[in-house]
PDB file of N, CA and C in Angstrom:
ATOM      1  N   UNK A   1     107.319 129.260 103.079  1.00  0.00           N
ATOM      2  CA  UNK A   1     108.243 128.196 102.248  1.00  0.00           C
ATOM      3  C   UNK A   1     108.964 127.625 103.464  1.00  0.00           C
ATOM      4  N   UNK A   2     109.543 126.371 102.712  1.00  0.00           N
ATOM      5  CA  UNK A   2     110.205 125.531 103.294  1.00  0.00           C
ATOM      6  C   UNK A   2     111.748 125.812 103.693  1.00  0.00           C
ATOM      7  N   UNK A   3     112.294 125.773 104.252  1.00  0.00           N
ATOM      8  CA  UNK A   3     113.409 125.983 104.678  1.00  0.00           C
ATOM      9  C   UNK A   3     114.597 124.736 104.322  1.00  0.00           C
ATOM     10  N   UNK A   4     115.897 125.142 104.254  1.00  0.00           N
ATOM     11  CA  UNK A   4     116.841 123.734 103.705  1.00  0.00           C
ATOM     12  C   UNK A   4     116.854 123.072 104.627  1.00  0.00           C
ATOM     13  N   UNK A   5     116.799 123.521 106.254  1.00  0.00           N
ATOM     14  CA  UNK A   5     116.787 122.629 107.029  1.00  0.00           C
ATOM     15  C   UNK A   5     115.758 121.933 107.126  1.00  0.00           C
ATOM     16  N   UNK A   6     114.579 122.182 107.225  1.00  0.00           N
ATOM     17  CA  UNK A   6     113.346 121.506 107.248  1.00  0.00           C
ATOM     18  C   UNK A   6     113.424 120.710 106.353  1.00  0.00           C
ATOM     19  N   UNK A   7     113.739 120.641 105.010  1.00  0.00           N
ATOM     20  CA  UNK A   7     113.940 119.695 103.909  1.00  0.00           C
ATOM     21  C   UNK A   7     114.625 118.894 104.557  1.00  0.00           C
ATOM     22  N   UNK A   8     115.860 119.410 104.430  1.00  0.00           N
ATOM     23  CA  UNK A   8     116.823 118.130 105.055  1.00  0.00           C
ATOM     24  C   UNK A   8     116.372 117.137 106.285  1.00  0.00           C
ATOM     25  N   UNK A   9     115.577 117.493 107.265  1.00  0.00           N
ATOM     26  CA  UNK A   9     115.171 116.788 108.251  1.00  0.00           C
ATOM     27  C   UNK A   9     113.928 115.921 107.886  1.00  0.00           C
ATOM     28  N   UNK A  10     112.980 116.327 106.696  1.00  0.00           N
ATOM     29  CA  UNK A  10     112.460 115.611 106.382  1.00  0.00           C
ATOM     30  C   UNK A  10     112.870 114.635 105.347  1.00  0.00           C
ATOM     31  N   UNK A  11     113.838 114.693 104.493  1.00  0.00           N
ATOM     32  CA  UNK A  11     114.373 113.834 104.245  1.00  0.00           C
ATOM     33  C   UNK A  11     114.962 112.576 104.862  1.00  0.00           C
ATOM     34  N   UNK A  12     115.623 113.375 105.490  1.00  0.00           N
ATOM     35  CA  UNK A  12     116.471 112.065 106.933  1.00  0.00           C
ATOM     36  C   UNK A  12     115.322 111.235 107.472  1.00  0.00           C
ATOM     37  N   UNK A  13     113.970 111.970 107.924  1.00  0.00           N
ATOM     38  CA  UNK A  13     113.112 110.833 108.297  1.00  0.00           C
ATOM     39  C   UNK A  13     112.734 110.013 107.298  1.00  0.00           C
ATOM     40  N   UNK A  14     112.420 110.493 106.110  1.00  0.00           N
ATOM     41  CA  UNK A  14     111.769 109.916 104.914  1.00  0.00           C
ATOM     42  C   UNK A  14     112.974 108.514 104.805  1.00  0.00           C
ATOM     43  N   UNK A  15     114.446 108.903 105.132  1.00  0.00           N
ATOM     44  CA  UNK A  15     115.151 107.822 104.869  1.00  0.00           C
ATOM     45  C   UNK A  15     115.016 106.818 105.705  1.00  0.00           C
ATOM     46  N   UNK A  16     115.181 107.347 106.833  1.00  0.00           N
ATOM     47  CA  UNK A  16     114.846 106.157 108.248  1.00  0.00           C
ATOM     48  C   UNK A  16     113.502 105.415 108.061  1.00  0.00           C
ATOM     49  N   UNK A  17     112.480 105.729 107.458  1.00  0.00           N
ATOM     50  CA  UNK A  17     111.192 105.257 107.680  1.00  0.00           C
ATOM     51  C   UNK A  17     111.160 104.172 106.252  1.00  0.00           C
ATOM     52  N   UNK A  18     111.921 104.356 105.289  1.00  0.00           N
ATOM     53  CA  UNK A  18     111.823 103.485 104.191  1.00  0.00           C
ATOM     54  C   UNK A  18     112.813 102.690 104.293  1.00  0.00           C
ATOM     55  N   UNK A  19     113.756 102.783 104.759  1.00  0.00           N
ATOM     56  CA  UNK A  19     115.259 101.626 104.951  1.00  0.00           C
ATOM     57  C   UNK A  19     114.432 100.786 106.102  1.00  0.00           C
ATOM     58  N   UNK A  20     113.698 101.386 107.172  1.00  0.00           N
ATOM     59  CA  UNK A  20     113.043 100.162 108.397  1.00  0.00           C
ATOM     60  C   UNK A  20     112.180  99.421 107.367  1.00  0.00           C
ATOM     61  N   UNK A  21     111.469 100.058 106.850  1.00  0.00           N
ATOM     62  CA  UNK A  21     110.055  99.306 105.778  1.00  0.00           C
ATOM     63  C   UNK A  21     110.695  98.101 104.703  1.00  0.00           C
ATOM     64  N   UNK A  22     111.893  98.395 104.411  1.00  0.00           N
ATOM     65  CA  UNK A  22     112.921  97.657 103.474  1.00  0.00           C
ATOM     66  C   UNK A  22     113.363  96.716 104.360  1.00  0.00           C
ATOM     67  N   UNK A  23     113.617  96.816 105.666  1.00  0.00           N
ATOM     68  CA  UNK A  23     113.997  95.869 106.099  1.00  0.00           C
ATOM     69  C   UNK A  23     113.212  94.799 106.678  1.00  0.00           C
ATOM     70  N   UNK A  24     111.932  95.233 107.025  1.00  0.00           N
ATOM     71  CA  UNK A  24     110.569  94.507 107.452  1.00  0.00           C
ATOM     72  C   UNK A  24     110.229  93.816 106.316  1.00  0.00           C
ATOM     73  N   UNK A  25     110.136  94.314 104.956  1.00  0.00           N
ATOM     74  CA  UNK A  25     110.037  93.525 104.052  1.00  0.00           C
ATOM     75  C   UNK A  25     110.963  92.347 103.739  1.00  0.00           C
ATOM     76  N   UNK A  26     112.004  92.692 103.834  1.00  0.00           N
ATOM     77  CA  UNK A  26     112.828  91.620 103.795  1.00  0.00           C
ATOM     78  C   UNK A  26     112.763  90.691 104.995  1.00  0.00           C
ATOM     79  N   UNK A  27     112.731  91.016 106.131  1.00  0.00           N
ATOM     80  CA  UNK A  27     112.773  89.822 106.907  1.00  0.00           C
ATOM     81  C   UNK A  27     111.233  89.072 106.956  1.00  0.00           C
ATOM     82  N   UNK A  28     110.161  89.453 106.379  1.00  0.00           N
ATOM     83  CA  UNK A  28     109.061  89.096 106.361  1.00  0.00           C
ATOM     84  C   UNK A  28     108.980  88.205 104.904  1.00  0.00           C
ATOM     85  N   UNK A  29     109.541  88.409 103.777  1.00  0.00           N
ATOM     86  CA  UNK A  29     109.604  87.346 102.931  1.00  0.00           C
ATOM     87  C   UNK A  29     110.927  86.441 103.314  1.00  0.00           C
ATOM     88  N   UNK A  30     111.463  86.683 103.970  1.00  0.00           N
ATOM     89  CA  UNK A  30     112.631  85.487 104.368  1.00  0.00           C
ATOM     90  C   UNK A  30     112.123  84.548 105.554  1.00  0.00           C
ATOM     91  N   UNK A  31     111.433  85.200 106.354  1.00  0.00           N
ATOM     92  CA  UNK A  31     110.792  84.548 107.506  1.00  0.00           C
ATOM     93  C   UNK A  31     109.493  83.358 107.287  1.00  0.00           C
ATOM     94  N   UNK A  32     108.653  84.108 106.541  1.00  0.00           N
ATOM     95  CA  UNK A  32     107.807  83.481 105.803  1.00  0.00           C
ATOM     96  C   UNK A  32     107.301  83.028 104.321  1.00  0.00           C
ATOM     97  N   UNK A  33     108.739  82.646 103.990  1.00  0.00           N
ATOM     98  CA  UNK A  33     108.751  82.377 102.706  1.00  0.00           C
ATOM     99  C   UNK A  33     107.809  81.398 102.405  1.00  0.00           C
ATOM    100  N   UNK A  34     107.661  80.001 102.914  1.00  0.00           N
ATOM    101  CA  UNK A  34     106.575  79.510 102.322  1.00  0.00           C
ATOM    102  C   UNK A  34     104.777  80.080 102.322  1.00  0.00           C
ATOM    103  N   UNK A  35     104.654  80.318 103.257  1.00  0.00           N
ATOM    104  CA  UNK A  35     103.395  81.366 103.580  1.00  0.00           C
ATOM    105  C   UNK A  35     103.332  82.456 101.989  1.00  0.00           C
ATOM    106  N   UNK A  36     104.428  82.989 102.332  1.00  0.00           N
ATOM    107  CA  UNK A  36     103.930  84.388 100.872  1.00  0.00           C
ATOM    108  C   UNK A  36     104.069  83.749  99.560  1.00  0.00           C
ATOM    109  N   UNK A  37     105.094  82.609  99.411  1.00  0.00           N
ATOM    110  CA  UNK A  37     105.172  81.865  98.066  1.00  0.00           C
ATOM    111  C   UNK A  37     103.896  81.212  97.780  1.00  0.00           C
ATOM    112  N   UNK A  38     102.756  80.427  98.820  1.00  0.00           N
ATOM    113  CA  UNK A  38     102.012  80.043  98.626  1.00  0.00           C
ATOM    114  C   UNK A  38     100.857  80.740  98.514  1.00  0.00           C
ATOM    115  N   UNK A  39     100.661  81.863  99.429  1.00  0.00           N
ATOM    116  CA  UNK A  39      99.362  82.785  98.851  1.00  0.00           C
ATOM    117  C   UNK A  39      99.483  83.318  97.580  1.00  0.00           C
ATOM    118  N   UNK A  40     100.712  83.973  97.194  1.00  0.00           N
ATOM    119  CA  UNK A  40     101.077  84.558  96.042  1.00  0.00           C
ATOM    120  C   UNK A  40     100.817  83.856  94.643  1.00  0.00           C
ATOM    121  N   UNK A  41     101.313  82.622  94.830  1.00  0.00           N
ATOM    122  CA  UNK A  41     100.953  81.595  93.792  1.00  0.00           C
ATOM    123  C   UNK A  41      99.457  81.384  93.502  1.00  0.00           C
ATOM    124  N   UNK A  42      98.697  81.312  94.523  1.00  0.00           N
ATOM    125  CA  UNK A  42      97.141  81.043  94.433  1.00  0.00           C
ATOM    126  C   UNK A  42      96.663  82.360  93.783  1.00  0.00           C
ATOM    127  N   UNK A  43      96.944  83.376  94.530  1.00  0.00           N
ATOM    128  CA  UNK A  43      96.676  84.747  94.344  1.00  0.00           C
ATOM    129  C   UNK A  43      96.700  85.150  92.577  1.00  0.00           C
ATOM    130  N   UNK A  44      97.810  84.674  92.113  1.00  0.00           N
ATOM    131  CA  UNK A  44      98.184  85.735  91.094  1.00  0.00           C
ATOM    132  C   UNK A  44      98.394  84.508  89.913  1.00  0.00           C
ATOM    133  N   UNK A  45      98.498  83.136  90.586  1.00  0.00           N
ATOM    134  CA  UNK A  45      98.587  81.640  89.449  1.00  0.00           C
ATOM    135  C   UNK A  45     100.034  81.825  88.623  1.00  0.00           C
ATOM    136  N   UNK A  46     101.199  81.914  89.637  1.00  0.00           N
ATOM    137  CA  UNK A  46     102.123  81.901  89.188  1.00  0.00           C
ATOM    138  C   UNK A  46     103.177  81.064  89.900  1.00  0.00           C
ATOM    139  N   UNK A  47     104.531  80.857  88.969  1.00  0.00           N
ATOM    140  CA  UNK A  47     105.088  79.816  89.926  1.00  0.00           C
ATOM    141  C   UNK A  47     105.826  79.962  90.770  1.00  0.00           C
ATOM    142  N   UNK A  48     106.688  79.063  91.594  1.00  0.00           N
ATOM    143  CA  UNK A  48     107.347  79.474  92.520  1.00  0.00           C
ATOM    144  C   UNK A  48     108.878  80.501  92.057  1.00  0.00           C
ATOM    145  N   UNK A  49     109.428  80.212  90.873  1.00  0.00           N
ATOM    146  CA  UNK A  49     110.446  80.681  90.525  1.00  0.00           C
ATOM    147  C   UNK A  49     110.397  82.071  90.254  1.00  0.00           C
ATOM    148  N   UNK A  50     109.165  82.357  89.301  1.00  0.00           N
ATOM    149  CA  UNK A  50     108.683  83.568  89.063  1.00  0.00           C
ATOM    150  C   UNK A  50     108.555  84.324  90.294  1.00  0.00           C
ATOM    151  N   UNK A  51     107.865  83.953  90.980  1.00  0.00           N
ATOM    152  CA  UNK A  51     107.564  84.667  92.322  1.00  0.00           C
ATOM    153  C   UNK A  51     108.656  85.118  93.390  1.00  0.00           C
ATOM    154  N   UNK A  52     109.859  84.260  93.249  1.00  0.00           N
ATOM    155  CA  UNK A  52     110.878  84.587  93.858  1.00  0.00           C
ATOM    156  C   UNK A  52     111.932  85.591  92.959  1.00  0.00           C
ATOM    157  N   UNK A  53     111.945  85.634  91.775  1.00  0.00           N
ATOM    158  CA  UNK A  53     111.954  86.559  91.135  1.00  0.00           C
ATOM    159  C   UNK A  53     111.694  88.103  91.174  1.00  0.00           C
ATOM    160  N   UNK A  54     110.440  88.078  91.276  1.00  0.00           N
ATOM    161  CA  UNK A  54     109.755  89.081  91.707  1.00  0.00           C
ATOM    162  C   UNK A  54     109.804  89.661  93.007  1.00  0.00           C
ATOM    163  N   UNK A  55     109.969  88.998  94.270  1.00  0.00           N
ATOM    164  CA  UNK A  55     110.422  89.409  95.220  1.00  0.00           C
ATOM    165  C   UNK A  55     112.119  90.126  95.272  1.00  0.00           C
ATOM    166  N   UNK A  56     112.815  89.453  94.707  1.00  0.00           N
ATOM    167  CA  UNK A  56     114.307  90.219  94.667  1.00  0.00           C
ATOM    168  C   UNK A  56     114.032  91.522  93.963  1.00  0.00           C
ATOM    169  N   UNK A  57     113.251  91.351  92.495  1.00  0.00           N
ATOM    170  CA  UNK A  57     113.239  92.681  91.791  1.00  0.00           C
ATOM    171  C   UNK A  57     112.400  93.873  92.466  1.00  0.00           C
ATOM    172  N   UNK A  58     111.535  93.577  93.291  1.00  0.00           N
ATOM    173  CA  UNK A  58     110.923  94.800  93.805  1.00  0.00           C
ATOM    174  C   UNK A  58     111.741  95.062  95.214  1.00  0.00           C
ATOM    175  N   UNK A  59     112.114  94.180  95.933  1.00  0.00           N
ATOM    176  CA  UNK A  59     113.385  94.569  97.091  1.00  0.00           C
ATOM    177  C   UNK A  59     114.519  95.263  96.413  1.00  0.00           C
ATOM    178  N   UNK A  60     115.102  95.135  95.288  1.00  0.00           N
ATOM    179  CA  UNK A  60     116.152  95.810  94.560  1.00  0.00           C
ATOM    180  C   UNK A  60     115.484  96.887  94.383  1.00  0.00           C
ATOM    181  N   UNK A  61     114.452  97.112  93.460  1.00  0.00           N
ATOM    182  CA  UNK A  61     113.925  98.331  92.992  1.00  0.00           C
ATOM    183  C   UNK A  61     113.506  99.281  94.265  1.00  0.00           C
ATOM    184  N   UNK A  62     112.805  98.840  95.350  1.00  0.00           N
ATOM    185  CA  UNK A  62     112.620  99.617  96.514  1.00  0.00           C
ATOM    186  C   UNK A  62     114.177 100.429  97.023  1.00  0.00           C
ATOM    187  N   UNK A  63     115.058  99.295  97.105  1.00  0.00           N
ATOM    188  CA  UNK A  63     116.332  99.692  97.725  1.00  0.00           C
ATOM    189  C   UNK A  63     116.871 100.964  96.727  1.00  0.00           C
ATOM    190  N   UNK A  64     116.966 100.759  95.560  1.00  0.00           N
ATOM    191  CA  UNK A  64     117.279 101.792  94.656  1.00  0.00           C
ATOM    192  C   UNK A  64     116.667 103.307  94.578  1.00  0.00           C
ATOM    193  N   UNK A  65     115.341 102.833  94.730  1.00  0.00           N
ATOM    194  CA  UNK A  65     114.363 104.486  94.779  1.00  0.00           C
ATOM    195  C   UNK A  65     114.552 104.661  96.133  1.00  0.00           C
ATOM    196  N   UNK A  66     115.095 104.396  97.208  1.00  0.00           N
ATOM    197  CA  UNK A  66     115.052 104.756  98.488  1.00  0.00           C
ATOM    198  C   UNK A  66     116.161 105.627  98.198  1.00  0.00           C
ATOM    199  N   UNK A  67     117.650 105.067  97.955  1.00  0.00           N
ATOM    200  CA  UNK A  67     118.775 105.674  97.696  1.00  0.00           C
ATOM    201  C   UNK A  67     118.748 106.847  96.741  1.00  0.00           C
ATOM    202  N   UNK A  68     118.142 106.945  95.696  1.00  0.00           N
ATOM    203  CA  UNK A  68     117.754 107.853  94.798  1.00  0.00           C
ATOM    204  C   UNK A  68     117.270 109.117  95.107  1.00  0.00           C
ATOM    205  N   UNK A  69     115.691 108.807  96.050  1.00  0.00           N
ATOM    206  CA  UNK A  69     115.038 109.813  96.174  1.00  0.00           C
ATOM    207  C   UNK A  69     115.190 110.314  97.614  1.00  0.00           C
ATOM    208  N   UNK A  70     115.596 109.407  98.652  1.00  0.00           N
ATOM    209  CA  UNK A  70     115.874 109.969  99.601  1.00  0.00           C
ATOM    210  C   UNK A  70     117.441 110.023 100.123  1.00  0.00           C
ATOM    211  N   UNK A  71     118.040 109.064 100.091  1.00  0.00           N
ATOM    212  CA  UNK A  71     119.325 109.300 101.140  1.00  0.00           C
ATOM    213  C   UNK A  71     120.509 110.229 100.043  1.00  0.00           C
ATOM    214  N   UNK A  72     120.352 110.058  98.869  1.00  0.00           N
ATOM    215  CA  UNK A  72     121.346 110.879  97.927  1.00  0.00           C
ATOM    216  C   UNK A  72     121.004 112.426  98.157  1.00  0.00           C
ATOM    217  N   UNK A  73     119.757 112.920  98.204  1.00  0.00           N
ATOM    218  CA  UNK A  73     119.429 114.442  98.297  1.00  0.00           C
ATOM    219  C   UNK A  73     119.601 114.652 100.021  1.00  0.00           C
ATOM    220  N   UNK A  74     119.522 113.522 100.654  1.00  0.00           N
ATOM    221  CA  UNK A  74     119.721 114.337 102.320  1.00  0.00           C
ATOM    222  C   UNK A  74     120.935 114.373 102.379  1.00  0.00           C
ATOM    223  N   UNK A  75     121.947 113.092 101.701  1.00  0.00           N
ATOM    224  CA  UNK A  75     123.256 113.644 101.893  1.00  0.00           C
ATOM    225  C   UNK A  75     124.042 114.877 101.116  1.00  0.00           C
ATOM    226  N   UNK A  76     123.503 115.296 100.001  1.00  0.00           N
ATOM    227  CA  UNK A  76     123.884 116.523  99.263  1.00  0.00           C
ATOM    228  C   UNK A  76     123.478 117.592 100.037  1.00  0.00           C
ATOM    229  N   UNK A  77     122.229 118.076 100.708  1.00  0.00           N
ATOM    230  CA  UNK A  77     121.763 118.697 101.472  1.00  0.00           C
ATOM    231  C   UNK A  77     122.895 118.802 102.923  1.00  0.00           C
ATOM    232  N   UNK A  78     123.173 117.986 103.262  1.00  0.00           N
ATOM    233  CA  UNK A  78     124.131 117.788 104.700  1.00  0.00           C
ATOM    234  C   UNK A  78     125.305 118.839 103.921  1.00  0.00           C
ATOM    235  N   UNK A  79     125.831 118.108 102.705  1.00  0.00           N
ATOM    236  CA  UNK A  79     127.106 118.774 102.499  1.00  0.00           C
ATOM    237  C   UNK A  79     127.162 120.135 102.429  1.00  0.00           C
ATOM    238  N   UNK A  80     125.802 120.587 101.531  1.00  0.00           N
ATOM    239  CA  UNK A  80     125.983 122.152 101.131  1.00  0.00           C
ATOM    240  C   UNK A  80     125.671 122.952 102.640  1.00  0.00           C
ATOM    241  N   UNK A  81     125.109 122.270 103.398  1.00  0.00           N
ATOM    242  CA  UNK A  81     124.576 123.163 104.771  1.00  0.00           C
ATOM    243  C   UNK A  81     125.477 123.351 105.572  1.00  0.00           C
TER     244      UNK A  81
END
């Protein structure tokens, strides 16, 4: 059985890894905007406005999921420990 300490450590590392990935995705989309837009517009036959909205929605949803599924439970476990 997993202990509260192990679960807290696990959620802490999950938070760190997911926040690092979010930062990487953000930097990649910002740094290589033209490349990603041209690639995805050819692959999915979408215009640039739709793709920009999709990128924003993706990053926003990923950030919300990180907060709800990793950061908040981690903080709650740290408070009760």
